[in-house]
Protein backbone atom coordinates (compact mmCIF):
# COMPACT_ATOMS: atom_id res chain seq x y z
CA MET A 1 27.56 -12.08 51.25
CA ARG A 2 26.12 -11.60 47.79
CA LEU A 3 23.57 -13.95 46.27
CA ARG A 4 25.53 -15.77 43.59
CA ILE A 5 24.61 -18.53 41.17
CA ASP A 6 27.11 -21.39 41.09
CA VAL A 7 27.22 -23.30 37.78
CA ARG A 8 30.28 -25.47 38.36
CA GLY A 9 30.14 -28.87 36.75
CA ILE A 10 27.16 -28.18 34.50
CA ALA A 11 27.55 -29.69 31.00
CA PHE A 12 26.21 -28.03 27.88
CA LEU A 13 26.64 -30.10 24.72
CA GLY A 14 24.25 -33.06 25.10
CA VAL A 15 26.31 -35.41 22.88
CA VAL A 16 29.85 -36.75 23.26
CA GLY A 17 32.73 -35.94 20.91
CA TRP A 18 30.83 -34.07 18.21
CA ASP A 19 33.63 -31.59 17.58
CA PHE A 20 33.00 -31.60 13.83
CA ILE A 21 29.98 -29.30 14.04
CA HIS A 22 30.53 -26.43 11.60
CA TYR A 23 29.63 -23.02 13.00
CA THR A 24 29.29 -19.85 10.93
CA THR A 25 29.58 -16.30 12.27
CA ASP A 26 27.61 -13.75 10.29
CA ASP A 27 25.35 -10.73 10.63
CA ILE A 28 22.25 -11.31 12.73
CA LYS A 29 19.50 -12.62 10.47
CA ILE A 30 16.70 -14.68 11.94
CA GLU A 31 13.63 -15.62 9.92
CA PRO A 32 10.95 -15.62 11.08
CA PRO A 33 12.15 -12.85 13.43
CA SER A 34 11.75 -14.77 16.68
CA LEU A 35 14.44 -16.46 18.78
CA ALA A 36 13.80 -19.31 21.22
CA ILE A 37 16.17 -19.14 24.19
CA ASP A 38 17.08 -22.39 25.97
CA VAL A 39 17.21 -20.76 29.41
CA PRO A 40 19.06 -23.47 31.41
CA ASN A 41 21.75 -23.86 28.76
CA TYR A 42 22.21 -20.21 27.81
CA PHE A 43 22.29 -18.80 31.33
CA SER A 44 24.53 -21.59 32.63
CA ARG A 45 27.10 -20.68 29.98
CA ARG A 46 26.81 -16.94 30.53
CA LEU A 47 27.12 -17.20 34.29
CA ALA A 48 30.04 -19.64 34.07
CA VAL A 49 32.25 -16.86 32.67
CA ARG A 50 31.11 -14.23 35.19
CA ARG A 51 32.94 -15.48 38.23
CA GLY A 52 34.59 -13.26 40.79
CA THR A 53 33.69 -11.56 44.06
CA SER A 54 33.15 -8.12 42.54
CA ARG A 55 30.22 -8.96 40.33
CA LYS A 56 26.71 -7.79 41.13
CA PRO A 57 24.27 -10.12 42.87
CA MET A 58 21.84 -12.02 40.66
CA PRO A 59 23.57 -11.08 37.38
CA TYR A 60 21.17 -13.26 35.38
CA LEU A 61 18.54 -10.51 35.59
CA SER A 62 20.74 -8.00 33.81
CA ILE A 63 21.72 -10.61 31.20
CA ALA A 64 18.07 -11.47 30.51
CA LEU A 65 16.78 -7.91 30.30
CA LYS A 66 19.65 -6.72 28.09
CA LEU A 67 19.09 -9.66 25.76
CA ALA A 68 15.33 -9.06 25.62
CA GLU A 69 15.69 -5.34 24.95
CA GLY A 70 18.46 -5.84 22.39
CA LEU A 71 16.49 -8.42 20.42
CA LEU A 72 13.32 -6.31 20.46
CA GLU A 73 15.29 -3.33 19.18
CA ARG A 74 16.25 -5.52 16.21
CA HIS A 75 12.59 -6.50 15.79
CA ILE A 76 13.30 -10.05 16.94
CA LEU A 77 10.88 -11.54 19.46
CA PRO A 78 12.68 -13.34 22.32
CA VAL A 79 10.94 -16.47 23.61
CA PHE A 80 12.43 -17.69 26.90
CA ILE A 81 11.93 -21.44 27.42
CA PHE A 82 12.41 -23.10 30.80
CA ASP A 83 12.82 -26.80 31.55
CA GLY A 84 9.84 -28.85 32.62
CA PRO A 85 10.22 -32.40 34.01
CA PRO A 86 13.29 -34.08 32.48
CA GLU A 87 13.12 -37.13 30.26
CA SER A 88 12.88 -40.37 32.24
CA LEU A 89 16.32 -41.48 31.01
CA LYS A 90 17.95 -38.44 32.56
CA ARG A 91 18.64 -38.03 36.26
CA GLN A 92 15.35 -37.08 37.89
CA PRO A 93 15.08 -33.82 39.81
CA ASN A 94 15.15 -33.89 43.59
CA PRO A 95 11.68 -32.75 44.73
CA GLU A 96 13.06 -31.55 48.06
CA LEU A 97 15.66 -29.46 46.23
CA ILE A 98 12.93 -27.78 44.19
CA ARG A 99 10.90 -27.15 47.34
CA SER A 100 13.98 -25.68 49.02
CA ALA A 101 14.56 -23.35 46.07
CA ARG A 102 10.93 -22.27 46.18
CA ARG A 103 11.18 -21.57 49.93
CA LEU A 104 14.35 -19.54 49.41
CA TYR A 105 12.76 -17.54 46.62
CA LYS A 106 9.68 -16.92 48.76
CA ARG A 107 11.97 -15.66 51.52
CA TYR A 108 13.71 -13.38 49.05
CA LEU A 109 10.36 -11.97 47.89
CA GLU A 110 9.54 -11.20 51.52
CA THR A 111 12.88 -9.64 52.45
CA ARG A 112 13.98 -8.22 49.07
CA ASP A 113 17.50 -8.49 50.45
CA PRO A 114 20.06 -9.50 47.78
CA PHE A 115 22.66 -9.92 50.53
CA ASP A 116 20.60 -12.23 52.77
CA PRO A 117 23.31 -14.49 54.29
CA HIS A 118 21.02 -17.52 54.64
CA ILE A 119 19.96 -17.45 50.99
CA ALA A 120 23.47 -16.64 49.76
CA THR A 121 25.06 -19.50 51.70
CA SER A 122 22.40 -21.99 50.60
CA LEU A 123 22.81 -21.10 46.93
CA SER A 124 26.60 -21.12 47.01
CA ASP A 125 26.54 -24.65 48.46
CA SER A 126 24.43 -26.15 45.65
CA PRO A 127 24.67 -25.37 41.91
CA ALA A 128 21.38 -27.20 41.28
CA LEU A 129 19.59 -25.23 43.98
CA SER A 130 20.97 -22.04 42.44
CA MET A 131 19.55 -22.93 39.03
CA TYR A 132 16.07 -23.61 40.41
CA PHE A 133 16.14 -20.33 42.34
CA MET A 134 17.24 -18.48 39.19
CA ALA A 135 14.41 -20.05 37.17
CA PHE A 136 11.76 -18.90 39.67
CA HIS A 137 13.19 -15.40 39.70
CA LEU A 138 13.67 -15.09 35.94
CA LYS A 139 10.12 -16.22 35.20
CA ASP A 140 8.70 -13.42 37.35
CA VAL A 141 10.97 -10.70 35.98
CA LEU A 142 10.56 -11.73 32.33
CA ALA A 143 6.79 -11.93 32.75
CA ALA A 144 6.86 -8.35 34.07
CA SER A 145 8.97 -7.30 31.07
CA GLY A 146 6.25 -8.54 28.72
CA VAL A 147 8.25 -11.05 26.67
CA PRO A 148 6.82 -14.55 26.18
CA THR A 149 8.01 -17.31 28.50
CA ILE A 150 7.28 -21.03 28.25
CA THR A 151 7.67 -23.83 30.76
CA ALA A 152 8.34 -26.79 28.51
CA PRO A 153 6.46 -30.10 28.89
CA SER A 154 9.93 -31.66 29.19
CA GLU A 155 13.36 -30.43 28.09
CA ALA A 156 13.60 -26.76 27.10
CA GLU A 157 15.66 -27.57 23.99
CA MET A 158 13.07 -30.13 22.88
CA THR A 159 10.25 -27.57 22.92
CA ALA A 160 12.51 -24.95 21.33
CA ALA A 161 13.30 -27.38 18.51
CA ALA A 162 9.59 -28.10 17.98
CA LEU A 163 8.90 -24.36 17.65
CA SER A 164 11.80 -23.96 15.23
CA ARG A 165 10.78 -26.95 13.13
CA ALA A 166 7.27 -25.49 12.81
CA ASN A 167 8.77 -22.11 11.78
CA ARG A 168 7.30 -20.35 14.81
CA VAL A 169 10.82 -19.21 15.70
CA GLY A 170 13.74 -18.67 13.36
CA SER A 171 16.46 -20.18 15.53
CA VAL A 172 17.27 -21.56 18.99
CA LEU A 173 19.85 -19.92 21.26
CA SER A 174 21.75 -22.81 22.87
CA ASN A 175 24.88 -24.85 22.34
CA ASP A 176 23.19 -28.15 23.10
CA ILE A 177 23.56 -30.22 19.92
CA ASP A 178 20.47 -32.17 20.96
CA THR A 179 18.52 -29.16 19.66
CA LEU A 180 19.48 -30.09 16.08
CA LEU A 181 18.78 -33.76 16.75
CA PHE A 182 15.32 -32.82 18.01
CA GLY A 183 14.78 -31.36 14.54
CA SER A 184 15.58 -27.65 14.77
CA PRO A 185 16.83 -26.42 11.36
CA GLN A 186 19.21 -23.98 13.06
CA LEU A 187 21.13 -23.72 16.33
CA THR A 188 22.58 -20.38 17.43
CA LYS A 189 25.52 -20.91 19.78
CA GLY A 190 26.08 -17.24 20.48
CA ILE A 191 24.70 -13.83 19.62
CA SER A 192 26.27 -10.39 20.08
CA ILE A 193 23.71 -7.61 19.98
CA SER A 194 26.39 -4.90 20.15
CA LYS A 195 28.38 -6.34 17.24
CA GLY A 196 25.29 -7.40 15.31
CA THR A 197 26.60 -10.93 14.79
CA MET A 198 25.49 -14.48 15.51
CA THR A 199 27.30 -17.82 15.47
CA TYR A 200 25.18 -20.70 14.27
CA ALA A 201 25.07 -24.21 12.85
CA THR A 202 22.39 -25.80 10.70
CA LEU A 203 20.88 -29.25 10.53
CA SER A 204 21.36 -29.31 6.75
CA GLN A 205 25.11 -28.68 7.17
CA LEU A 206 25.36 -31.46 9.72
CA LYS A 207 23.55 -33.89 7.43
CA GLN A 208 25.84 -32.94 4.57
CA GLU A 209 28.99 -33.18 6.72
CA LEU A 210 28.26 -36.78 7.73
CA ASN A 211 26.08 -37.81 4.78
CA LEU A 212 23.40 -39.02 7.19
CA ASP A 213 19.72 -38.20 7.46
CA LEU A 214 18.08 -37.00 10.69
CA MET A 215 17.04 -40.52 11.74
CA GLN A 216 20.63 -41.71 11.35
CA LEU A 217 21.97 -38.68 13.21
CA ARG A 218 19.77 -39.61 16.14
CA ASP A 219 21.09 -43.17 15.90
CA LEU A 220 24.63 -41.77 15.88
CA ALA A 221 23.99 -39.78 19.07
CA ILE A 222 22.95 -42.96 20.85
CA LEU A 223 25.95 -44.92 19.52
CA SER A 224 28.53 -42.28 20.47
CA GLY A 225 26.93 -41.36 23.80
CA CYS A 226 24.53 -38.61 24.83
CA ASP A 227 22.28 -37.48 27.67
CA PHE A 228 20.05 -40.54 27.23
CA HIS A 229 22.59 -43.36 26.82
CA ASP A 230 26.29 -43.97 27.46
CA GLY A 231 26.72 -45.30 23.94
CA LEU A 232 28.49 -48.27 22.41
CA ARG A 233 31.97 -48.87 23.75
CA ASN A 234 34.80 -47.89 21.38
CA VAL A 235 32.39 -46.33 18.88
CA GLY A 236 32.79 -42.57 18.57
CA PRO A 237 30.88 -40.29 16.20
CA ARG A 238 33.23 -40.75 13.21
CA ARG A 239 33.36 -44.52 13.47
CA GLY A 240 29.65 -44.61 14.21
CA ALA A 241 28.87 -42.60 11.07
CA ILE A 242 30.86 -45.05 8.94
CA GLN A 243 29.04 -48.02 10.46
CA LEU A 244 25.63 -46.42 10.01
CA LYS A 245 26.33 -46.01 6.30
CA ARG A 246 27.33 -49.65 6.14
CA TYR A 247 24.55 -51.15 8.30
CA GLU A 248 21.86 -48.46 7.70
CA ASP A 249 20.49 -47.99 11.22
CA LEU A 250 21.08 -48.36 14.96
CA GLU A 251 19.81 -51.91 15.14
CA GLY A 252 22.06 -52.98 12.27
CA VAL A 253 25.16 -51.47 13.87
CA LEU A 254 24.38 -53.05 17.24
CA ARG A 255 23.89 -56.49 15.73
CA ALA A 256 27.11 -56.15 13.70
CA ASN A 257 28.98 -55.34 16.90
CA GLY A 258 27.64 -58.41 18.68
CA VAL A 259 25.36 -56.58 21.13
CA ALA A 260 23.00 -59.03 22.79
CA HIS A 261 19.32 -58.76 21.89
CA SER A 262 18.48 -58.16 25.56
CA GLU A 263 20.78 -55.11 25.58
CA ILE A 264 19.55 -53.63 22.29
CA ASP A 265 16.27 -52.56 23.88
CA SER A 266 17.98 -49.94 26.07
CA PHE A 267 19.51 -48.34 22.97
CA ILE A 268 16.14 -48.26 21.20
CA VAL A 269 14.34 -46.75 24.20
CA ALA A 270 17.01 -44.05 24.41
CA ARG A 271 16.74 -43.28 20.69
CA ASN A 272 12.97 -42.91 20.97
CA THR A 273 13.53 -39.95 23.27
CA PHE A 274 14.58 -37.89 20.27
CA TYR A 275 11.22 -38.61 18.65
CA GLU A 276 9.37 -37.09 21.61
CA ALA A 277 10.02 -33.68 20.02
CA ASP A 278 7.98 -34.76 16.99
CA ARG A 279 4.95 -35.20 19.24
CA ILE A 280 5.00 -31.73 20.78
CA ASP A 281 2.32 -29.43 19.39
CA PRO A 282 4.24 -26.22 18.58
CA PHE A 283 1.00 -24.24 18.28
CA MET A 284 -0.10 -24.84 21.87
CA PHE A 285 2.15 -22.02 23.11
CA GLU A 286 1.27 -18.32 23.19
CA LEU A 287 4.10 -16.23 21.74
CA SER A 288 2.69 -12.73 22.02
CA LEU A 289 4.54 -9.67 23.29
CA ARG A 290 2.88 -7.61 26.02
CA PRO A 291 3.72 -4.12 27.28
CA PRO A 292 6.20 -4.04 30.18
CA ASN A 293 4.66 -3.76 33.65
CA ALA A 294 6.61 -0.84 35.11
CA SER A 295 5.42 -1.24 38.71
CA GLN A 296 6.26 -4.96 38.83
CA LEU A 297 9.66 -4.38 37.25
CA LYS A 298 10.46 -1.67 39.78
CA ARG A 299 9.49 -3.95 42.63
CA GLN A 300 11.70 -6.72 41.28
CA LEU A 301 14.73 -4.62 40.33
CA LEU A 302 15.02 -1.84 42.92
CA PRO A 303 16.57 -4.11 45.58
CA LEU A 304 19.38 -4.82 43.10
CA GLU A 305 19.91 -1.58 41.17
CA THR A 306 19.62 2.16 41.66
CA ASN A 307 16.39 3.95 40.86
CA LYS A 308 18.15 5.66 37.94
CA THR A 309 19.26 2.34 36.45
CA VAL A 310 15.84 0.73 36.91
CA THR A 311 14.09 3.70 35.31
CA LYS A 312 16.48 3.50 32.37
CA ARG A 313 15.81 -0.23 31.95
CA ILE A 314 12.05 0.26 31.99
CA LYS A 315 12.23 3.12 29.51
CA GLY A 316 14.43 1.00 27.22
CA LEU A 317 12.06 -1.98 27.33
CA THR A 318 9.01 0.24 26.81
CA TRP A 319 10.60 1.99 23.83
CA ALA A 320 11.66 -1.35 22.33
CA TRP A 321 8.12 -2.75 22.83
CA LYS A 322 6.50 0.23 21.13
CA ARG A 323 8.96 0.15 18.24
CA PHE A 324 8.56 -3.62 17.85
CA GLY A 325 4.77 -3.24 17.78
CA ARG A 326 4.91 -0.59 15.05
CA LYS A 327 7.19 -2.80 12.94
CA GLN A 328 4.88 -5.81 13.35
CA THR A 329 1.83 -3.73 12.37
CA THR A 330 3.60 -2.54 9.22
CA LEU A 331 4.52 -6.10 8.25
CA GLU A 332 0.94 -7.29 8.77
CA GLU A 333 -0.37 -4.47 6.57
CA ILE A 334 2.09 -5.39 3.81
CA CYS A 335 1.14 -9.05 4.03
């Protein structure tokens, strides 16, 4: 039995009913040339479309390394961001589940057997366990590849948005609309290295579409329902936007709809979660590229791929690292 990651039932969008987001597909252009990757969101989506018994075990490794190499070849620094502890208003992680994932990963490191029936069965029985296992594995492999990785203080998309808002990265790869509500100027839903295109939305477009500022957009997310609150009954995003223009803010809309004062507090507490991103120091994270560690990559990848394929991957990453470094040096000299 192959080790497979099960992502059934995992949601991606963060907010409810926001189908009016305008996405643009254009040539890849990211300024500054650095892309934050919301690992839980991006890999959940990618793996969700790679079902079937014929696929290779642990396909997330190939996805990650191809993405890293492809971005570096385009002189774009990939920054992989993993979830930390979730916000208190979200469902809390199961500590025993995390411990189980760690034990399974430790067993895998000892056996290096991608077809271990015990691990494969355990992962196939629990999507959440699979995601924790994947996170442990990806962190090690990406660290060996030399690209920067971050374990966020909280949600990955919150930290990614803080980096984007501070112009430390040029965009965030995710389709979680919360990323824009956390203040990221741009959200990249998809990127095709081979085609040289990206599909993205911007915070400025969203503001213009609804004629609301960022504070009101955060209010709208709470009213229409999001990860942090179920929302106000019978108030969707369109109706909520109209009421926000009429009553100015969340509190005004709630009072106009007859919500009891004792119930308003839960809405306010949920809204304040969006402001947590404003308190993250985006300069506390190291975003430097290091040379790939060939020996560590071989140790991680040889159980899964042929020696020829692994050698090719390492050569590709090393070439991309060297080329990226020369480009960065040239830019620094010009500046």
